[in-house]
C-alpha atoms as a PDB file:
ATOM      1  CA  UNK A   1      18.337  -3.785  -6.520  1.00  0.00           C
ATOM      2  CA  UNK A   2      15.503  -1.515  -8.377  1.00  0.00           C
ATOM      3  CA  UNK A   3      15.543  -0.724 -12.077  1.00  0.00           C
ATOM      4  CA  UNK A   4      17.520   2.967 -11.117  1.00  0.00           C
ATOM      5  CA  UNK A   5      20.109   0.858  -9.206  1.00  0.00           C
ATOM      6  CA  UNK A   6      20.516  -1.861 -12.397  1.00  0.00           C
ATOM      7  CA  UNK A   7      20.796   0.535 -14.783  1.00  0.00           C
ATOM      8  CA  UNK A   8      23.085   2.707 -12.653  1.00  0.00           C
ATOM      9  CA  UNK A   9      25.546   0.153 -12.219  1.00  0.00           C
ATOM     10  CA  UNK A  10      25.296  -1.307 -15.894  1.00  0.00           C
ATOM     11  CA  UNK A  11      26.607   2.266 -16.755  1.00  0.00           C
ATOM     12  CA  UNK A  12      29.438   2.007 -14.180  1.00  0.00           C
ATOM     13  CA  UNK A  13      30.540  -1.220 -15.655  1.00  0.00           C
ATOM     14  CA  UNK A  14      30.340   0.240 -19.505  1.00  0.00           C
ATOM     15  CA  UNK A  15      32.258   3.530 -18.560  1.00  0.00           C
ATOM     16  CA  UNK A  16      35.057   0.796 -16.520  1.00  0.00           C
ATOM     17  CA  UNK A  17      34.009   2.083 -13.070  1.00  0.00           C
ATOM     18  CA  UNK A  18      32.885  -0.848 -12.258  1.00  0.00           C
ATOM     19  CA  UNK A  19      34.500  -4.481 -13.090  1.00  0.00           C
ATOM     20  CA  UNK A  20      32.367  -7.296 -14.696  1.00  0.00           C
ATOM     21  CA  UNK A  21      33.201  -9.504 -11.135  1.00  0.00           C
ATOM     22  CA  UNK A  22      32.125  -6.639  -9.317  1.00  0.00           C
ATOM     23  CA  UNK A  23      29.057  -6.911 -11.258  1.00  0.00           C
ATOM     24  CA  UNK A  24      28.434 -10.174 -11.054  1.00  0.00           C
ATOM     25  CA  UNK A  25      29.084 -10.307  -7.180  1.00  0.00           C
ATOM     26  CA  UNK A  26      25.862  -7.417  -7.332  1.00  0.00           C
ATOM     27  CA  UNK A  27      23.836  -9.533  -9.208  1.00  0.00           C
ATOM     28  CA  UNK A  28      24.060 -12.311  -7.683  1.00  0.00           C
ATOM     29  CA  UNK A  29      21.041 -12.654  -5.409  1.00  0.00           C
ATOM     30  CA  UNK A  30      18.671 -11.660  -7.967  1.00  0.00           C
ATOM     31  CA  UNK A  31      16.209 -12.980  -8.914  1.00  0.00           C
ATOM     32  CA  UNK A  32      15.958 -14.094  -5.395  1.00  0.00           C
ATOM     33  CA  UNK A  33      17.827 -15.016  -1.949  1.00  0.00           C
ATOM     34  CA  UNK A  34      16.972 -18.807  -0.546  1.00  0.00           C
ATOM     35  CA  UNK A  35      17.002 -18.427   3.142  1.00  0.00           C
ATOM     36  CA  UNK A  36      15.497 -21.658   3.684  1.00  0.00           C
ATOM     37  CA  UNK A  37      12.287 -20.476   5.129  1.00  0.00           C
ATOM     38  CA  UNK A  38      11.603 -18.007   2.606  1.00  0.00           C
ATOM     39  CA  UNK A  39      12.260 -17.159  -1.225  1.00  0.00           C
ATOM     40  CA  UNK A  40      12.650 -13.261  -1.397  1.00  0.00           C
ATOM     41  CA  UNK A  41      11.943 -11.446  -4.377  1.00  0.00           C
ATOM     42  CA  UNK A  42      14.392  -9.239  -5.140  1.00  0.00           C
ATOM     43  CA  UNK A  43      13.422  -8.915  -8.481  1.00  0.00           C
ATOM     44  CA  UNK A  44       9.790  -7.865  -7.504  1.00  0.00           C
ATOM     45  CA  UNK A  45      10.286  -3.861  -8.008  1.00  0.00           C
ATOM     46  CA  UNK A  46      12.035  -4.277 -11.351  1.00  0.00           C
ATOM     47  CA  UNK A  47       8.577  -6.712 -12.863  1.00  0.00           C
ATOM     48  CA  UNK A  48       6.207  -4.515 -10.505  1.00  0.00           C
ATOM     49  CA  UNK A  49       7.426  -1.370  -9.669  1.00  0.00           C
ATOM     50  CA  UNK A  50       7.616  -2.185  -5.563  1.00  0.00           C
ATOM     51  CA  UNK A  51       9.898  -4.404  -3.905  1.00  0.00           C
ATOM     52  CA  UNK A  52       8.321  -7.662  -2.090  1.00  0.00           C
ATOM     53  CA  UNK A  53       5.869  -6.855   1.049  1.00  0.00           C
ATOM     54  CA  UNK A  54       5.976  -8.820   4.046  1.00  0.00           C
ATOM     55  CA  UNK A  55       2.793 -10.481   5.173  1.00  0.00           C
ATOM     56  CA  UNK A  56       3.415 -10.648   9.214  1.00  0.00           C
ATOM     57  CA  UNK A  57       0.932 -12.672  10.370  1.00  0.00           C
ATOM     58  CA  UNK A  58       2.436 -16.335  10.758  1.00  0.00           C
ATOM     59  CA  UNK A  59       6.001 -15.356  11.129  1.00  0.00           C
ATOM     60  CA  UNK A  60       8.151 -15.223  13.806  1.00  0.00           C
ATOM     61  CA  UNK A  61      10.010 -12.212  14.709  1.00  0.00           C
ATOM     62  CA  UNK A  62      13.272 -13.359  13.660  1.00  0.00           C
ATOM     63  CA  UNK A  63      12.088 -14.543  10.256  1.00  0.00           C
ATOM     64  CA  UNK A  64      10.168 -10.890   9.623  1.00  0.00           C
ATOM     65  CA  UNK A  65      13.561  -9.579  10.845  1.00  0.00           C
ATOM     66  CA  UNK A  66      15.665 -11.640   8.341  1.00  0.00           C
ATOM     67  CA  UNK A  67      13.175 -11.028   5.514  1.00  0.00           C
ATOM     68  CA  UNK A  68      13.556  -7.316   6.530  1.00  0.00           C
ATOM     69  CA  UNK A  69      16.454  -7.070   6.313  1.00  0.00           C
ATOM     70  CA  UNK A  70      17.529  -9.243   3.019  1.00  0.00           C
ATOM     71  CA  UNK A  71      15.553  -6.222   1.516  1.00  0.00           C
ATOM     72  CA  UNK A  72      16.844  -3.689   2.786  1.00  0.00           C
ATOM     73  CA  UNK A  73      20.407  -4.703   1.950  1.00  0.00           C
ATOM     74  CA  UNK A  74      18.698  -3.799  -1.417  1.00  0.00           C
ATOM     75  CA  UNK A  75      18.812  -0.538  -1.048  1.00  0.00           C
ATOM     76  CA  UNK A  76      14.718  -0.242  -1.716  1.00  0.00           C
ATOM     77  CA  UNK A  77      11.551   0.954   0.399  1.00  0.00           C
ATOM     78  CA  UNK A  78      10.200  -1.739   2.440  1.00  0.00           C
ATOM     79  CA  UNK A  79       6.972  -2.070   3.744  1.00  0.00           C
ATOM     80  CA  UNK A  80       5.939  -5.338   6.570  1.00  0.00           C
ATOM     81  CA  UNK A  81       1.991  -5.342   7.111  1.00  0.00           C
ATOM     82  CA  UNK A  82      -0.231  -6.588  10.134  1.00  0.00           C
ATOM     83  CA  UNK A  83       2.466  -6.563  12.171  1.00  0.00           C
ATOM     84  CA  UNK A  84       2.820  -6.508  16.468  1.00  0.00           C
ATOM     85  CA  UNK A  85       4.505  -3.896  18.431  1.00  0.00           C
ATOM     86  CA  UNK A  86       7.100  -6.549  19.253  1.00  0.00           C
ATOM     87  CA  UNK A  87       7.615  -7.515  15.740  1.00  0.00           C
ATOM     88  CA  UNK A  88       8.522  -3.844  14.969  1.00  0.00           C
ATOM     89  CA  UNK A  89      11.024  -4.013  18.261  1.00  0.00           C
ATOM     90  CA  UNK A  90      13.024  -7.260  16.775  1.00  0.00           C
ATOM     91  CA  UNK A  91      12.993  -4.667  13.115  1.00  0.00           C
ATOM     92  CA  UNK A  92      13.960  -1.523  15.287  1.00  0.00           C
ATOM     93  CA  UNK A  93      16.847  -3.777  16.254  1.00  0.00           C
ATOM     94  CA  UNK A  94      18.768  -3.376  13.533  1.00  0.00           C
ATOM     95  CA  UNK A  95      16.734  -0.480  11.581  1.00  0.00           C
ATOM     96  CA  UNK A  96      15.943   2.303  14.378  1.00  0.00           C
ATOM     97  CA  UNK A  97      15.184   4.626  11.309  1.00  0.00           C
ATOM     98  CA  UNK A  98      11.669   2.091  10.813  1.00  0.00           C
ATOM     99  CA  UNK A  99       8.886   3.404  11.594  1.00  0.00           C
ATOM    100  CA  UNK A 100       5.760   2.059  13.409  1.00  0.00           C
ATOM    101  CA  UNK A 101       2.827   3.117  12.334  1.00  0.00           C
ATOM    102  CA  UNK A 102       0.561   1.634  15.607  1.00  0.00           C
ATOM    103  CA  UNK A 103      -3.236   1.945  13.951  1.00  0.00           C
ATOM    104  CA  UNK A 104      -2.202  -0.099  10.515  1.00  0.00           C
ATOM    105  CA  UNK A 105      -0.201  -2.361  12.379  1.00  0.00           C
ATOM    106  CA  UNK A 106       2.365  -1.245   9.860  1.00  0.00           C
ATOM    107  CA  UNK A 107       6.274  -0.678   9.609  1.00  0.00           C
ATOM    108  CA  UNK A 108       8.007   0.854   6.892  1.00  0.00           C
ATOM    109  CA  UNK A 109      11.525   1.803   6.007  1.00  0.00           C
ATOM    110  CA  UNK A 110      11.927   4.708   3.538  1.00  0.00           C
ATOM    111  CA  UNK A 111      15.659   4.160   1.729  1.00  0.00           C
ATOM    112  CA  UNK A 112      15.094   6.265  -1.582  1.00  0.00           C
ATOM    113  CA  UNK A 113      13.818   9.881  -1.759  1.00  0.00           C
ATOM    114  CA  UNK A 114      10.265  10.566  -2.772  1.00  0.00           C
ATOM    115  CA  UNK A 115       9.110  10.690  -6.179  1.00  0.00           C
ATOM    116  CA  UNK A 116       6.445  13.704  -6.053  1.00  0.00           C
ATOM    117  CA  UNK A 117       3.889  12.482  -8.130  1.00  0.00           C
ATOM    118  CA  UNK A 118       1.716  14.823 -10.206  1.00  0.00           C
ATOM    119  CA  UNK A 119      -1.952  13.993  -8.674  1.00  0.00           C
ATOM    120  CA  UNK A 120      -3.269  11.936  -5.472  1.00  0.00           C
ATOM    121  CA  UNK A 121      -5.107   9.518  -3.944  1.00  0.00           C
ATOM    122  CA  UNK A 122      -7.997  10.676  -1.470  1.00  0.00           C
ATOM    123  CA  UNK A 123      -9.023   7.774   0.956  1.00  0.00           C
ATOM    124  CA  UNK A 124     -12.424   7.944   2.760  1.00  0.00           C
ATOM    125  CA  UNK A 125     -13.758   6.139   5.607  1.00  0.00           C
ATOM    126  CA  UNK A 126     -17.469   5.394   7.202  1.00  0.00           C
ATOM    127  CA  UNK A 127     -16.335   5.670  10.734  1.00  0.00           C
ATOM    128  CA  UNK A 128     -13.753   5.626  13.596  1.00  0.00           C
ATOM    129  CA  UNK A 129     -13.858   1.920  13.994  1.00  0.00           C
ATOM    130  CA  UNK A 130     -13.054   1.492  10.261  1.00  0.00           C
ATOM    131  CA  UNK A 131      -9.565   3.196  10.770  1.00  0.00           C
ATOM    132  CA  UNK A 132      -7.356   0.697  11.497  1.00  0.00           C
ATOM    133  CA  UNK A 133      -7.821  -0.135   7.389  1.00  0.00           C
ATOM    134  CA  UNK A 134      -7.857   3.385   5.781  1.00  0.00           C
ATOM    135  CA  UNK A 135      -4.524   3.563   8.451  1.00  0.00           C
ATOM    136  CA  UNK A 136      -3.387   0.675   6.659  1.00  0.00           C
ATOM    137  CA  UNK A 137      -4.004   1.612   2.787  1.00  0.00           C
ATOM    138  CA  UNK A 138      -2.538   5.322   3.649  1.00  0.00           C
ATOM    139  CA  UNK A 139       0.528   3.531   4.764  1.00  0.00           C
ATOM    140  CA  UNK A 140       0.628   1.492   1.462  1.00  0.00           C
ATOM    141  CA  UNK A 141       0.374   4.237  -0.832  1.00  0.00           C
ATOM    142  CA  UNK A 142       2.739   6.719   0.912  1.00  0.00           C
ATOM    143  CA  UNK A 143       5.533   4.229   1.519  1.00  0.00           C
ATOM    144  CA  UNK A 144       4.877   4.063  -2.949  1.00  0.00           C
ATOM    145  CA  UNK A 145       5.974   7.688  -3.064  1.00  0.00           C
ATOM    146  CA  UNK A 146       2.051   8.629  -3.511  1.00  0.00           C
ATOM    147  CA  UNK A 147       0.463  11.726  -2.046  1.00  0.00           C
ATOM    148  CA  UNK A 148      -2.305  11.010   0.216  1.00  0.00           C
ATOM    149  CA  UNK A 149      -5.142  12.923   1.303  1.00  0.00           C
ATOM    150  CA  UNK A 150      -7.485  11.431   4.339  1.00  0.00           C
ATOM    151  CA  UNK A 151     -11.238  12.086   4.513  1.00  0.00           C
ATOM    152  CA  UNK A 152     -12.764  10.021   7.850  1.00  0.00           C
ATOM    153  CA  UNK A 153     -15.657   9.581   9.431  1.00  0.00           C
ATOM    154  CA  UNK A 154     -18.004  11.134   6.651  1.00  0.00           C
ATOM    155  CA  UNK A 155     -20.870   7.502   6.261  1.00  0.00           C
ATOM    156  CA  UNK A 156     -23.411   7.572   5.197  1.00  0.00           C
ATOM    157  CA  UNK A 157     -25.650   7.961   8.494  1.00  0.00           C
ATOM    158  CA  UNK A 158     -24.516  11.660   8.555  1.00  0.00           C
ATOM    159  CA  UNK A 159     -24.677  11.829   4.718  1.00  0.00           C
ATOM    160  CA  UNK A 160     -23.686  16.008   4.981  1.00  0.00           C
ATOM    161  CA  UNK A 161     -20.596  15.687   6.049  1.00  0.00           C
ATOM    162  CA  UNK A 162     -19.447  13.618   2.625  1.00  0.00           C
ATOM    163  CA  UNK A 163     -20.775  15.614   0.919  1.00  0.00           C
ATOM    164  CA  UNK A 164     -19.308  18.520   2.521  1.00  0.00           C
ATOM    165  CA  UNK A 165     -15.763  16.773   0.802  1.00  0.00           C
ATOM    166  CA  UNK A 166     -17.579  16.499  -2.598  1.00  0.00           C
ATOM    167  CA  UNK A 167     -15.205  18.996  -4.074  1.00  0.00           C
ATOM    168  CA  UNK A 168     -12.104  17.553  -2.931  1.00  0.00           C
ATOM    169  CA  UNK A 169     -13.009  13.919  -3.708  1.00  0.00           C
ATOM    170  CA  UNK A 170     -13.506  15.070  -7.165  1.00  0.00           C
ATOM    171  CA  UNK A 171      -9.806  16.548  -7.746  1.00  0.00           C
ATOM    172  CA  UNK A 172      -8.030  13.305  -6.976  1.00  0.00           C
ATOM    173  CA  UNK A 173      -7.384  10.515  -9.388  1.00  0.00           C
ATOM    174  CA  UNK A 174      -8.558   7.374  -7.700  1.00  0.00           C
ATOM    175  CA  UNK A 175     -10.762   7.398  -4.410  1.00  0.00           C
ATOM    176  CA  UNK A 176     -10.089   4.326  -1.717  1.00  0.00           C
ATOM    177  CA  UNK A 177     -13.637   3.953   0.163  1.00  0.00           C
ATOM    178  CA  UNK A 178     -13.037   1.762   3.636  1.00  0.00           C
ATOM    179  CA  UNK A 179     -16.869   1.054   5.128  1.00  0.00           C
ATOM    180  CA  UNK A 180     -18.148  -1.826   7.186  1.00  0.00           C
ATOM    181  CA  UNK A 181     -22.091  -2.284   8.249  1.00  0.00           C
ATOM    182  CA  UNK A 182     -23.754  -2.382   4.979  1.00  0.00           C
ATOM    183  CA  UNK A 183     -20.880  -1.001   2.797  1.00  0.00           C
ATOM    184  CA  UNK A 184     -23.050   1.699   1.347  1.00  0.00           C
ATOM    185  CA  UNK A 185     -20.335   4.462   1.062  1.00  0.00           C
ATOM    186  CA  UNK A 186     -18.752   2.905  -2.028  1.00  0.00           C
ATOM    187  CA  UNK A 187     -21.675   3.293  -3.972  1.00  0.00           C
ATOM    188  CA  UNK A 188     -22.583   6.883  -2.413  1.00  0.00           C
ATOM    189  CA  UNK A 189     -19.141   7.743  -3.057  1.00  0.00           C
ATOM    190  CA  UNK A 190     -18.949   5.975  -6.824  1.00  0.00           C
ATOM    191  CA  UNK A 191     -22.368   8.335  -7.862  1.00  0.00           C
ATOM    192  CA  UNK A 192     -20.150  11.647  -6.937  1.00  0.00           C
ATOM    193  CA  UNK A 193     -16.335  11.262  -8.861  1.00  0.00           C
ATOM    194  CA  UNK A 194     -15.958  11.228 -12.527  1.00  0.00           C
ATOM    195  CA  UNK A 195     -12.188   8.591 -10.946  1.00  0.00           C
ATOM    196  CA  UNK A 196     -11.876   4.628 -10.254  1.00  0.00           C
ATOM    197  CA  UNK A 197     -13.190   4.017  -6.827  1.00  0.00           C
ATOM    198  CA  UNK A 198     -11.657   0.979  -4.481  1.00  0.00           C
ATOM    199  CA  UNK A 199     -13.826  -0.215  -2.238  1.00  0.00           C
ATOM    200  CA  UNK A 200     -12.899  -2.129   0.934  1.00  0.00           C
ATOM    201  CA  UNK A 201     -15.109  -3.638   2.759  1.00  0.00           C
ATOM    202  CA  UNK A 202     -14.286  -4.061   6.573  1.00  0.00           C
ATOM    203  CA  UNK A 203     -15.569  -5.906   9.717  1.00  0.00           C
ATOM    204  CA  UNK A 204     -16.747  -3.438  12.076  1.00  0.00           C
ATOM    205  CA  UNK A 205     -20.778  -4.323  12.123  1.00  0.00           C
ATOM    206  CA  UNK A 206     -23.406  -6.247  14.522  1.00  0.00           C
ATOM    207  CA  UNK A 207     -24.149 -10.206  13.675  1.00  0.00           C
ATOM    208  CA  UNK A 208     -25.372  -9.868  10.510  1.00  0.00           C
ATOM    209  CA  UNK A 209     -22.869  -7.982   8.788  1.00  0.00           C
ATOM    210  CA  UNK A 210     -21.300 -11.785   9.118  1.00  0.00           C
ATOM    211  CA  UNK A 211     -18.018 -10.100   9.561  1.00  0.00           C
ATOM    212  CA  UNK A 212     -17.845  -7.596   7.046  1.00  0.00           C
ATOM    213  CA  UNK A 213     -19.981 -10.676   4.216  1.00  0.00           C
ATOM    214  CA  UNK A 214     -22.248  -8.019   4.155  1.00  0.00           C
ATOM    215  CA  UNK A 215     -20.232  -5.152   3.288  1.00  0.00           C
ATOM    216  CA  UNK A 216     -18.774  -7.663   0.459  1.00  0.00           C
ATOM    217  CA  UNK A 217     -21.973  -8.008  -0.871  1.00  0.00           C
ATOM    218  CA  UNK A 218     -23.087  -4.985  -0.912  1.00  0.00           C
ATOM    219  CA  UNK A 219     -19.652  -3.552  -2.674  1.00  0.00           C
ATOM    220  CA  UNK A 220     -19.902  -6.343  -5.522  1.00  0.00           C
ATOM    221  CA  UNK A 221     -23.283  -5.682  -5.912  1.00  0.00           C
ATOM    222  CA  UNK A 222     -22.866  -1.699  -6.105  1.00  0.00           C
ATOM    223  CA  UNK A 223     -25.134   0.449  -8.756  1.00  0.00           C
ATOM    224  CA  UNK A 224     -22.087   2.520  -9.103  1.00  0.00           C
ATOM    225  CA  UNK A 225     -20.135   1.838 -12.177  1.00  0.00           C
ATOM    226  CA  UNK A 226     -16.519   2.560 -11.157  1.00  0.00           C
ATOM    227  CA  UNK A 227     -16.280   0.747  -7.885  1.00  0.00           C
ATOM    228  CA  UNK A 228     -14.435  -2.010  -7.866  1.00  0.00           C
ATOM    229  CA  UNK A 229     -13.941  -4.250  -4.812  1.00  0.00           C
ATOM    230  CA  UNK A 230     -10.777  -5.921  -2.576  1.00  0.00           C
ATOM    231  CA  UNK A 231     -10.781  -8.373  -0.217  1.00  0.00           C
ATOM    232  CA  UNK A 232     -12.783  -7.734   3.291  1.00  0.00           C
ATOM    233  CA  UNK A 233     -10.202  -6.114   5.939  1.00  0.00           C
ATOM    234  CA  UNK A 234      -7.997  -5.760   2.727  1.00  0.00           C
ATOM    235  CA  UNK A 235      -6.466  -2.227   3.448  1.00  0.00           C
ATOM    236  CA  UNK A 236      -3.683  -3.195   1.775  1.00  0.00           C
ATOM    237  CA  UNK A 237      -4.453  -4.362  -1.450  1.00  0.00           C
ATOM    238  CA  UNK A 238      -6.494  -0.805  -1.476  1.00  0.00           C
ATOM    239  CA  UNK A 239      -3.585   1.247  -1.061  1.00  0.00           C
ATOM    240  CA  UNK A 240      -1.675  -0.451  -3.435  1.00  0.00           C
ATOM    241  CA  UNK A 241      -3.872  -0.315  -6.448  1.00  0.00           C
ATOM    242  CA  UNK A 242      -4.648   2.177  -5.948  1.00  0.00           C
ATOM    243  CA  UNK A 243      -1.114   4.007  -6.065  1.00  0.00           C
ATOM    244  CA  UNK A 244      -0.574   1.971  -9.469  1.00  0.00           C
ATOM    245  CA  UNK A 245      -3.451   3.381 -10.451  1.00  0.00           C
ATOM    246  CA  UNK A 246      -1.877   7.493  -9.973  1.00  0.00           C
ATOM    247  CA  UNK A 247       1.501   5.949 -11.211  1.00  0.00           C
ATOM    248  CA  UNK A 248      -0.443   5.463 -14.890  1.00  0.00           C
ATOM    249  CA  UNK A 249      -1.966   9.225 -13.909  1.00  0.00           C
ATOM    250  CA  UNK A 250       0.532  11.549 -13.090  1.00  0.00           C
ATOM    251  CA  UNK A 251       2.420   9.278 -16.114  1.00  0.00           C
ATOM    252  CA  UNK A 252      -0.372  10.720 -18.491  1.00  0.00           C
ATOM    253  CA  UNK A 253      -0.296  14.418 -16.689  1.00  0.00           C
ATOM    254  CA  UNK A 254       3.017  14.616 -16.697  1.00  0.00           C
ATOM    255  CA  UNK A 255       4.606  17.276 -18.918  1.00  0.00           C
END
């Protein structure tokens, strides 16, 4: 149950359309639901603006299915990350409207109408090998009602490709930059724009990239002042933080 649904319920109680007992029954599952193997946080949407997100690795398909069912019953949009196809098949048995994003390895279910934001998020990826992480960021931001533009395969090895996108990037409210190897792309983008840049290092690269550690350290040591960094391969966090920033920017620009 999200903030709007609780507000609507309270108005119904005040107007006599719903009894106190009925309201209590609807609110009984708040603030969390104990499933034995998991305690599902049904207050997350009220506190943070989006329901609890399901991280699938380490969970069985049936556990994910049960958590998904519990969250979906509250009427909000649902996101499950790092999901294999077999996990999606289990979820889709209950929710055929759920979508599976193969490259991002994410499951989404939209149950509320999208709220059109004023601004947008740009997601930039250095190369095709970085796309799974970039797509995780995109799917996350979009299920959080954000408009996203993508600018893929614009790594610094062919700098002209990035510069051709500079005007489009400058129109965004926030940018997510996804890159492996030496991770230089985030600094270059940070030097082109006047908006926050969220750098996502990936584990793409040869041996001395140390599974993304080289890109992570490069991004942490960026000479561009507007760059912040999330963990290696963490497209979810990049997209989530970008959505939070764009919500604030949209709120300020709205009439």
